[in-house]
Amino acid sequence: MNNSPWTNDSFAAMSLARIDEKFLPSALAQVDYLMKKMNLTPGNRILDLGCGAGRHSIEFAKRGMIVTGVDISEIMLNNARKRAETAGVEVDFIKSDLADLNKIGLVPSSFDGILCLCESGIGVLGGESKDFEILRQVYDLLGSGTYFILSCFNSLRRYIRSKDQNPIFDYINSTMAWSCPIESDVEVLSEQQRQYAPSEMKMLLKLAGFGEIDVLSCRDGVFTDDVMRIEDIEMLVVARKVQ
């Protein structure tokens, strides 16, 4: 299993308030955009990978989607279940490491759309080999003609800003060494974040089987059809399973 900081309850609880403050206000507009971009209609089946406390899952469910949310954090999932109940919607929330996605009984070709947003999976699973395995599984879970949308860190910005002077950025392997501000006598919370150039992510998606791929802007949490700029922190990647 991926040794994720999100399995630490103190870190997850601390992060939840920050995530709500920073990202929750934009969730409604993001889901409006995703509904149109993925050509979704009520009754479609959605898989939300790294769903956290369910801000996207619940908004999709409000629009009549049949939603499954997967996350590694029990703290996040407990909050997601309470929020779904408050919102009066049903979401199937499942606790799992995304690296174990093929072990939780998801049916191949059964989803009309899959998303993995806010660096909740791709880039923090242990490198490009692990990421590629997830992309292959995502491809297999999608129905023909449907979409996978992910966001991930843009390495071009990091290369421009860091050059070879940043001690926590490995410019050879394009990884950032991240450590958690929480002090613990039990464990040190850290992870290696694999950052991707747009061409790298497009290559992985093509190798996984996807046919149509766009790299777009999600600057300041606003999803648009604008092309990603080099200085953007993240990229929004839209990939379609053609066959």
Protein backbone atom coordinates (compact mmCIF):
# COMPACT_ATOMS: atom_id res chain seq x y z
CA MET A 1 0.00 0.00 0.00
CA ASN A 2 1.15 3.55 -0.72
CA ASN A 3 2.52 5.13 2.49
CA SER A 4 0.42 8.26 2.16
CA PRO A 5 0.36 11.16 4.65
CA TRP A 6 -3.42 11.06 4.25
CA THR A 7 -3.55 7.90 6.37
CA ASN A 8 -2.44 10.04 9.32
CA ASP A 9 -5.63 11.20 11.05
CA SER A 10 -4.07 14.38 12.46
CA PHE A 11 -2.82 15.47 9.06
CA ALA A 12 -6.14 14.65 7.37
CA ALA A 13 -8.16 16.53 9.97
CA MET A 14 -5.89 19.58 9.77
CA SER A 15 -5.96 19.52 5.98
CA LEU A 16 -9.75 19.27 5.76
CA ALA A 17 -10.33 22.78 7.08
CA ARG A 18 -7.70 24.21 4.73
CA ILE A 19 -9.12 22.34 1.74
CA ASP A 20 -12.63 23.56 2.53
CA GLU A 21 -11.44 27.15 2.77
CA LYS A 22 -9.38 27.05 -0.41
CA PHE A 23 -11.26 24.68 -2.72
CA LEU A 24 -14.87 24.22 -1.59
CA PRO A 25 -16.10 27.61 -2.93
CA SER A 26 -15.08 26.66 -6.48
CA ALA A 27 -16.53 23.13 -6.47
CA LEU A 28 -19.95 24.05 -7.89
CA ALA A 29 -18.50 25.93 -10.88
CA GLN A 30 -15.95 23.15 -11.47
CA VAL A 31 -18.67 20.50 -11.59
CA ASP A 32 -20.75 22.66 -13.93
CA TYR A 33 -17.73 22.77 -16.26
CA LEU A 34 -17.02 19.04 -15.91
CA MET A 35 -20.65 18.10 -16.67
CA LYS A 36 -20.45 19.91 -20.00
CA LYS A 37 -16.90 18.88 -20.83
CA MET A 38 -17.62 15.18 -20.20
CA ASN A 39 -21.05 15.28 -21.91
CA LEU A 40 -22.74 13.93 -18.79
CA THR A 41 -26.46 13.52 -18.20
CA PRO A 42 -28.47 12.41 -15.14
CA GLY A 43 -28.10 8.70 -14.53
CA ASN A 44 -24.51 8.52 -15.76
CA ARG A 45 -22.00 6.72 -13.56
CA ILE A 46 -19.06 8.76 -12.21
CA LEU A 47 -15.92 7.60 -10.42
CA ASP A 48 -14.18 10.24 -8.28
CA LEU A 49 -10.62 9.13 -7.44
CA GLY A 50 -9.08 10.74 -4.38
CA CYS A 51 -12.51 12.16 -3.57
CA GLY A 52 -11.53 13.54 -0.16
CA ALA A 53 -14.52 14.92 1.73
CA GLY A 54 -16.66 14.63 -1.40
CA ARG A 55 -16.94 18.18 -2.66
CA HIS A 56 -17.10 17.04 -6.30
CA SER A 57 -18.83 13.70 -5.65
CA ILE A 58 -21.70 15.34 -3.79
CA GLU A 59 -22.18 18.05 -6.43
CA PHE A 60 -22.33 15.38 -9.14
CA ALA A 61 -24.87 13.41 -7.09
CA LYS A 62 -27.02 16.54 -6.75
CA ARG A 63 -27.17 16.60 -10.55
CA GLY A 64 -28.50 13.06 -10.73
CA MET A 65 -25.24 11.20 -11.29
CA ILE A 66 -24.58 7.76 -9.82
CA VAL A 67 -21.32 8.44 -8.00
CA THR A 68 -18.58 6.28 -6.51
CA GLY A 69 -15.87 8.06 -4.52
CA VAL A 70 -12.57 6.44 -3.57
CA ASP A 71 -10.11 7.80 -1.02
CA ILE A 72 -7.40 6.49 1.29
CA SER A 73 -8.37 8.65 4.29
CA GLU A 74 -11.02 7.42 6.71
CA ILE A 75 -11.24 10.92 8.19
CA MET A 76 -12.07 12.37 4.79
CA LEU A 77 -14.56 9.63 3.96
CA ASN A 78 -16.39 9.96 7.26
CA ASN A 79 -16.82 13.66 6.58
CA ALA A 80 -17.90 12.91 3.01
CA ARG A 81 -20.61 10.52 4.20
CA LYS A 82 -21.94 13.07 6.69
CA ARG A 83 -21.97 15.78 4.05
CA ALA A 84 -23.76 13.58 1.53
CA GLU A 85 -26.40 12.79 4.14
CA THR A 86 -26.83 16.48 4.91
CA ALA A 87 -27.14 17.22 1.20
CA GLY A 88 -29.75 14.47 0.81
CA VAL A 89 -27.82 12.50 -1.82
CA GLU A 90 -26.35 9.02 -2.04
CA VAL A 91 -22.70 8.42 -2.91
CA ASP A 92 -20.88 5.11 -2.63
CA PHE A 93 -17.72 6.07 -0.74
CA ILE A 94 -14.99 3.40 -0.66
CA LYS A 95 -11.78 3.41 1.38
CA SER A 96 -8.85 2.31 -0.76
CA ASP A 97 -5.39 3.24 -1.91
CA LEU A 98 -5.64 4.10 -5.60
CA ALA A 99 -2.82 1.64 -6.18
CA ASP A 100 -5.33 -1.05 -5.17
CA LEU A 101 -8.04 0.18 -7.51
CA ASN A 102 -8.29 -3.20 -9.23
CA LYS A 103 -9.04 -4.91 -5.90
CA ILE A 104 -12.26 -3.17 -4.88
CA GLY A 105 -14.72 -4.77 -7.28
CA LEU A 106 -15.15 -2.01 -9.86
CA VAL A 107 -16.60 -3.33 -13.11
CA PRO A 108 -14.68 -2.75 -16.38
CA SER A 109 -16.28 -0.37 -18.90
CA SER A 110 -18.95 0.60 -16.35
CA PHE A 111 -18.24 4.32 -15.88
CA ASP A 112 -19.35 7.26 -18.01
CA GLY A 113 -16.67 9.51 -16.56
CA ILE A 114 -13.74 9.37 -14.16
CA LEU A 115 -11.94 12.23 -12.44
CA CYS A 116 -8.84 12.58 -10.30
CA LEU A 117 -8.41 16.19 -9.22
CA CYS A 118 -6.16 18.35 -7.05
CA GLU A 119 -3.16 16.00 -7.03
CA SER A 120 -5.23 13.43 -5.18
CA GLY A 121 -3.59 10.49 -6.94
CA ILE A 122 -1.58 11.01 -10.11
CA GLY A 123 1.90 12.14 -9.14
CA VAL A 124 1.89 10.99 -5.51
CA LEU A 125 1.64 7.21 -5.91
CA GLY A 126 5.32 6.44 -6.29
CA GLY A 127 6.44 7.59 -9.71
CA GLU A 128 5.52 7.32 -13.36
CA SER A 129 5.33 3.50 -13.38
CA LYS A 130 2.68 3.53 -10.65
CA ASP A 131 0.87 6.40 -12.35
CA PHE A 132 0.84 4.50 -15.63
CA GLU A 133 -0.69 1.46 -13.91
CA ILE A 134 -3.51 3.65 -12.60
CA LEU A 135 -4.07 5.22 -16.01
CA ARG A 136 -4.38 1.77 -17.56
CA GLN A 137 -6.93 0.77 -14.93
CA VAL A 138 -8.86 4.00 -15.46
CA TYR A 139 -8.95 3.32 -19.20
CA ASP A 140 -10.35 -0.17 -18.60
CA LEU A 141 -13.06 1.16 -16.25
CA LEU A 142 -14.39 3.70 -18.76
CA GLY A 143 -17.01 3.02 -21.38
CA SER A 144 -16.30 3.79 -25.03
CA GLY A 145 -16.34 7.49 -25.91
CA THR A 146 -16.16 8.68 -22.30
CA TYR A 147 -13.74 11.00 -20.52
CA PHE A 148 -11.08 10.95 -17.83
CA ILE A 149 -10.16 14.34 -16.36
CA LEU A 150 -7.23 14.82 -14.03
CA SER A 151 -5.17 17.63 -12.62
CA CYS A 152 -1.48 17.37 -11.78
CA PHE A 153 1.51 19.56 -11.07
CA ASN A 154 3.14 21.28 -14.04
CA SER A 155 6.89 20.58 -13.97
CA LEU A 156 7.71 23.28 -16.55
CA ARG A 157 7.03 25.96 -13.96
CA ARG A 158 9.24 24.18 -11.44
CA TYR A 159 12.13 23.88 -13.90
CA ILE A 160 11.94 27.56 -14.81
CA ARG A 161 11.83 28.71 -11.21
CA SER A 162 14.18 26.18 -9.62
CA LYS A 163 16.77 25.69 -12.32
CA ASP A 164 19.21 23.43 -10.47
CA GLN A 165 19.28 25.42 -7.22
CA ASN A 166 16.27 24.03 -5.32
CA PRO A 167 17.48 21.34 -2.88
CA ILE A 168 14.10 19.59 -2.67
CA PHE A 169 13.47 19.42 -6.42
CA ASP A 170 15.20 16.57 -8.25
CA TYR A 171 15.41 18.01 -11.76
CA ILE A 172 16.72 14.76 -13.23
CA ASN A 173 13.68 12.73 -12.13
CA SER A 174 11.23 15.65 -11.91
CA THR A 175 10.27 14.92 -8.30
CA MET A 176 9.63 17.26 -5.40
CA ALA A 177 10.38 16.13 -1.85
CA TRP A 178 7.41 17.26 0.24
CA SER A 179 7.26 17.11 4.04
CA CYS A 180 4.37 17.80 6.37
CA PRO A 181 4.40 20.66 8.90
CA ILE A 182 2.86 18.37 11.55
CA GLU A 183 5.40 17.30 14.14
CA SER A 184 5.07 13.72 15.31
CA ASP A 185 7.16 11.50 17.56
CA VAL A 186 5.78 8.46 15.77
CA GLU A 187 6.38 9.14 12.08
CA VAL A 188 7.70 11.68 9.63
CA LEU A 189 5.04 12.58 7.08
CA SER A 190 6.50 13.05 3.64
CA GLU A 191 6.07 12.03 0.02
CA GLN A 192 7.75 12.29 -3.34
CA GLN A 193 5.63 14.28 -5.78
CA ARG A 194 6.22 13.36 -9.43
CA GLN A 195 5.68 16.50 -11.49
CA TYR A 196 4.94 16.20 -15.19
CA ALA A 197 5.54 18.23 -18.30
CA PRO A 198 2.42 18.28 -20.50
CA SER A 199 4.15 16.16 -23.13
CA GLU A 200 5.01 13.49 -20.53
CA MET A 201 1.43 13.25 -19.29
CA LYS A 202 0.12 13.09 -22.84
CA MET A 203 2.57 10.28 -23.61
CA LEU A 204 1.49 8.24 -20.56
CA LEU A 205 -2.18 8.68 -21.47
CA LYS A 206 -1.57 7.67 -25.08
CA LEU A 207 0.34 4.58 -23.95
CA ALA A 208 -2.58 3.76 -21.64
CA GLY A 209 -4.88 3.79 -24.68
CA PHE A 210 -6.47 7.25 -24.70
CA GLY A 211 -6.93 8.84 -28.09
CA GLU A 212 -7.92 12.49 -27.65
CA ILE A 213 -5.98 14.50 -25.06
CA ASP A 214 -6.09 18.22 -24.22
CA VAL A 215 -3.97 20.07 -21.66
CA LEU A 216 -5.96 23.00 -20.30
CA SER A 217 -5.90 25.66 -17.62
CA CYS A 218 -7.15 25.29 -14.05
CA ARG A 219 -5.51 28.47 -12.82
CA ASP A 220 -6.76 29.61 -9.40
CA GLY A 221 -9.21 26.71 -9.34
CA VAL A 222 -11.09 27.93 -12.42
CA PHE A 223 -11.53 25.22 -15.06
CA THR A 224 -11.52 26.63 -18.60
CA ASP A 225 -10.80 25.60 -22.18
CA ASP A 226 -7.77 27.91 -22.22
CA VAL A 227 -4.47 26.18 -22.91
CA MET A 228 -2.23 25.75 -19.88
CA ARG A 229 0.43 28.43 -19.53
CA ILE A 230 4.04 27.57 -18.69
CA GLU A 231 3.82 29.42 -15.35
CA ASP A 232 0.65 27.62 -14.21
CA ILE A 233 1.09 25.54 -11.05
CA GLU A 234 -1.22 22.81 -12.32
CA MET A 235 -2.61 21.49 -15.57
CA LEU A 236 -6.09 20.16 -16.26
CA VAL A 237 -5.86 17.17 -18.58
CA VAL A 238 -8.88 15.93 -20.53
CA ALA A 239 -8.50 12.47 -22.09
CA ARG A 240 -11.10 10.55 -24.09
CA LYS A 241 -11.41 6.82 -24.51
CA VAL A 242 -12.15 6.68 -28.20
CA GLN A 243 -12.86 2.96 -28.53
